[in-house]
C-alpha atoms as a PDB file:
ATOM      1  CA  MET A   1      -6.647  -3.730  10.379  1.00  0.00           C
ATOM      2  CA  ARG A   2      -8.968  -6.641  10.834  1.00  0.00           C
ATOM      3  CA  PHE A   3      -8.233  -8.642   7.135  1.00  0.00           C
ATOM      4  CA  THR A   4      -4.457  -7.697   6.846  1.00  0.00           C
ATOM      5  CA  VAL A   5      -1.088  -8.373   8.570  1.00  0.00           C
ATOM      6  CA  SER A   6       2.188  -6.681   8.413  1.00  0.00           C
ATOM      7  CA  LEU A   7       5.145  -8.010   6.053  1.00  0.00           C
ATOM      8  CA  CYS A   8       8.086  -7.756   7.906  1.00  0.00           C
ATOM      9  CA  GLU A   9      11.058 -10.191   6.210  1.00  0.00           C
ATOM     10  CA  ASN A  10      13.084  -7.941   3.572  1.00  0.00           C
ATOM     11  CA  TYR A  11      13.792 -11.082   1.194  1.00  0.00           C
ATOM     12  CA  MET A  12       9.326 -10.627   1.202  1.00  0.00           C
ATOM     13  CA  PHE A  13       9.733  -7.211  -0.032  1.00  0.00           C
ATOM     14  CA  GLN A  14      12.588  -7.592  -2.794  1.00  0.00           C
ATOM     15  CA  SER A  15      10.634 -10.858  -3.830  1.00  0.00           C
ATOM     16  CA  LEU A  16       7.689  -8.390  -4.857  1.00  0.00           C
ATOM     17  CA  TYR A  17       9.366  -5.538  -5.529  1.00  0.00           C
ATOM     18  CA  ARG A  18      11.156  -8.141  -8.710  1.00  0.00           C
ATOM     19  CA  LYS A  19       8.014 -10.149  -9.372  1.00  0.00           C
ATOM     20  CA  ALA A  20       4.320  -8.341  -8.581  1.00  0.00           C
ATOM     21  CA  LYS A  21       2.085  -6.146 -10.704  1.00  0.00           C
ATOM     22  CA  SER A  22       2.767  -2.541  -9.831  1.00  0.00           C
ATOM     23  CA  MET A  23       1.708   0.652 -10.748  1.00  0.00           C
ATOM     24  CA  VAL A  24       2.482   4.040  -9.701  1.00  0.00           C
ATOM     25  CA  THR A  25       0.545   7.157  -9.156  1.00  0.00           C
ATOM     26  CA  PRO A  26       1.982  11.308  -7.604  1.00  0.00           C
ATOM     27  CA  LEU A  27       1.414  10.333  -3.932  1.00  0.00           C
ATOM     28  CA  VAL A  28       2.220   5.734  -3.963  1.00  0.00           C
ATOM     29  CA  ALA A  29       3.675   3.182  -5.968  1.00  0.00           C
ATOM     30  CA  VAL A  30       1.744  -0.442  -4.877  1.00  0.00           C
ATOM     31  CA  TYR A  31       3.147  -3.631  -5.446  1.00  0.00           C
ATOM     32  CA  ILE A  32       0.812  -6.536  -5.789  1.00  0.00           C
ATOM     33  CA  ARG A  33       1.257 -10.902  -5.940  1.00  0.00           C
ATOM     34  CA  ARG A  34      -0.774 -13.405  -4.730  1.00  0.00           C
ATOM     35  CA  ASN A  35       0.179 -15.316  -1.608  1.00  0.00           C
ATOM     36  CA  ARG A  36      -2.156 -18.339  -1.144  1.00  0.00           C
ATOM     37  CA  LEU A  37      -3.079 -17.383   1.958  1.00  0.00           C
ATOM     38  CA  GLY A  38      -6.564 -16.183   3.315  1.00  0.00           C
ATOM     39  CA  THR A  39      -5.515 -13.246   4.376  1.00  0.00           C
ATOM     40  CA  ASN A  40      -3.732 -10.342   2.819  1.00  0.00           C
ATOM     41  CA  ARG A  41      -0.121  -8.940   3.963  1.00  0.00           C
ATOM     42  CA  LEU A  42       0.719  -5.312   3.565  1.00  0.00           C
ATOM     43  CA  GLY A  43       4.433  -3.706   3.619  1.00  0.00           C
ATOM     44  CA  ILE A  44       4.651   0.024   3.724  1.00  0.00           C
ATOM     45  CA  THR A  45       7.845   1.647   2.797  1.00  0.00           C
ATOM     46  CA  THR A  46       8.988   5.357   2.835  1.00  0.00           C
ATOM     47  CA  SER A  47      12.792   6.230   1.474  1.00  0.00           C
ATOM     48  CA  LYS A  48      14.730   9.427   2.963  1.00  0.00           C
ATOM     49  CA  LYS A  49      14.435  10.487  -0.491  1.00  0.00           C
ATOM     50  CA  ILE A  50      10.845  12.169   1.259  1.00  0.00           C
ATOM     51  CA  GLY A  51      12.391  13.918   4.483  1.00  0.00           C
ATOM     52  CA  GLY A  52      13.541  13.386   7.755  1.00  0.00           C
ATOM     53  CA  ALA A  53      12.148  10.838  10.280  1.00  0.00           C
ATOM     54  CA  VAL A  54       9.151  13.173  11.133  1.00  0.00           C
ATOM     55  CA  GLN A  55       7.660  13.134   7.143  1.00  0.00           C
ATOM     56  CA  ARG A  56       8.637   9.210   6.599  1.00  0.00           C
ATOM     57  CA  ASN A  57       6.087   8.704  10.001  1.00  0.00           C
ATOM     58  CA  ARG A  58       3.732  11.403   9.363  1.00  0.00           C
ATOM     59  CA  ALA A  59       3.658   9.423   4.791  1.00  0.00           C
ATOM     60  CA  ARG A  60       3.895   6.184   6.833  1.00  0.00           C
ATOM     61  CA  ARG A  61       0.891   7.044   8.994  1.00  0.00           C
ATOM     62  CA  ILE A  62      -1.157   9.179   5.979  1.00  0.00           C
ATOM     63  CA  ILE A  63      -0.710   5.646   4.078  1.00  0.00           C
ATOM     64  CA  LYS A  64      -2.099   3.316   6.767  1.00  0.00           C
ATOM     65  CA  GLU A  65      -5.316   5.189   7.428  1.00  0.00           C
ATOM     66  CA  ALA A  66      -5.925   5.364   3.495  1.00  0.00           C
ATOM     67  CA  TYR A  67      -5.390   1.620   3.300  1.00  0.00           C
ATOM     68  CA  ARG A  68      -7.742   0.847   6.319  1.00  0.00           C
ATOM     69  CA  LEU A  69     -10.643   2.682   5.216  1.00  0.00           C
ATOM     70  CA  THR A  70     -10.289   0.977   2.127  1.00  0.00           C
ATOM     71  CA  GLU A  71      -9.899  -2.899   3.751  1.00  0.00           C
ATOM     72  CA  PRO A  72     -12.896  -4.141   3.193  1.00  0.00           C
ATOM     73  CA  GLY A  73     -13.205  -3.726  -0.400  1.00  0.00           C
ATOM     74  CA  LEU A  74     -10.423  -5.644  -1.069  1.00  0.00           C
ATOM     75  CA  ALA A  75      -9.913  -8.877  -2.149  1.00  0.00           C
ATOM     76  CA  LYS A  76      -8.022 -11.591   0.179  1.00  0.00           C
ATOM     77  CA  GLY A  77      -5.210 -13.606  -0.657  1.00  0.00           C
ATOM     78  CA  TYR A  78      -2.694 -10.797  -1.457  1.00  0.00           C
ATOM     79  CA  ASP A  79       0.872  -9.402  -0.597  1.00  0.00           C
ATOM     80  CA  ILE A  80       0.937  -5.987  -1.279  1.00  0.00           C
ATOM     81  CA  VAL A  81       3.466  -3.478  -0.518  1.00  0.00           C
ATOM     82  CA  ILE A  82       2.769   0.718  -0.697  1.00  0.00           C
ATOM     83  CA  VAL A  83       5.955   2.953  -1.378  1.00  0.00           C
ATOM     84  CA  ALA A  84       5.529   6.263  -0.273  1.00  0.00           C
ATOM     85  CA  ARG A  85       6.531   9.272  -3.093  1.00  0.00           C
ATOM     86  CA  LYS A  86       7.564  12.703  -2.033  1.00  0.00           C
ATOM     87  CA  LYS A  87       3.718  14.086  -2.686  1.00  0.00           C
ATOM     88  CA  ALA A  88       2.516  11.473  -0.233  1.00  0.00           C
ATOM     89  CA  VAL A  89       3.984  13.857   2.896  1.00  0.00           C
ATOM     90  CA  TYR A  90       2.367  17.106   1.562  1.00  0.00           C
ATOM     91  CA  SER A  91      -1.191  15.736   0.731  1.00  0.00           C
ATOM     92  CA  LYS A  92      -3.913  14.938   2.394  1.00  0.00           C
ATOM     93  CA  MET A  93      -4.952  11.596   3.974  1.00  0.00           C
ATOM     94  CA  TRP A  94      -8.456  11.726   1.475  1.00  0.00           C
ATOM     95  CA  ASP A  95      -6.496  12.266  -1.640  1.00  0.00           C
ATOM     96  CA  VAL A  96      -3.828   9.166  -0.985  1.00  0.00           C
ATOM     97  CA  LYS A  97      -7.248   7.374  -0.407  1.00  0.00           C
ATOM     98  CA  LYS A  98      -8.342   7.853  -3.463  1.00  0.00           C
ATOM     99  CA  SER A  99      -4.973   7.402  -5.139  1.00  0.00           C
ATOM    100  CA  LEU A 100      -4.909   3.910  -3.327  1.00  0.00           C
ATOM    101  CA  GLU A 101      -8.835   3.276  -4.592  1.00  0.00           C
ATOM    102  CA  ARG A 102      -7.696   3.648  -8.577  1.00  0.00           C
ATOM    103  CA  VAL A 103      -4.725   1.824  -8.204  1.00  0.00           C
ATOM    104  CA  PHE A 104      -6.366  -1.074  -6.446  1.00  0.00           C
ATOM    105  CA  SER A 105      -9.807  -1.065  -8.751  1.00  0.00           C
ATOM    106  CA  ASP A 106      -6.872  -0.933 -11.413  1.00  0.00           C
ATOM    107  CA  LEU A 107      -4.866  -3.933 -10.815  1.00  0.00           C
ATOM    108  CA  ALA A 108      -8.414  -6.208  -9.948  1.00  0.00           C
ATOM    109  CA  LEU A 109      -7.505  -6.033  -6.215  1.00  0.00           C
ATOM    110  CA  LEU A 110     -11.294  -4.043  -4.997  1.00  0.00           C
ATOM    111  CA  SER A 111     -13.763  -6.912  -4.928  1.00  0.00           C
ATOM    112  CA  GLY A 112     -16.488  -4.349  -5.186  1.00  0.00           C
ATOM    113  CA  LYS A 113     -17.881  -5.467  -1.210  1.00  0.00           C
ATOM    114  CA  ARG A 114     -17.940  -2.006   0.882  1.00  0.00           C
END
């Protein structure tokens, strides 16, 4: 990911859950908030409700790849948290990518540059 850094600290995730704009699809829930930096910061979470470690890691890999392909068209300067939902484990990466693109366009995060 060229324009994105990882969101690592728990307090950052908690702040986004409380104060950010959000949107939910059957595959993912997305929280975004402006961060006043020149780069985006991304956090991906998966809960134990999804399944064991293998399923959670698969969901993370799928979401990370879908985000990587969507990243060039995103506006810069946002904190983004993507929460995997149960259906994300069993879906194709292209379905997750379409879902992310729809969410990002609805939240006015797609800049139109591709």
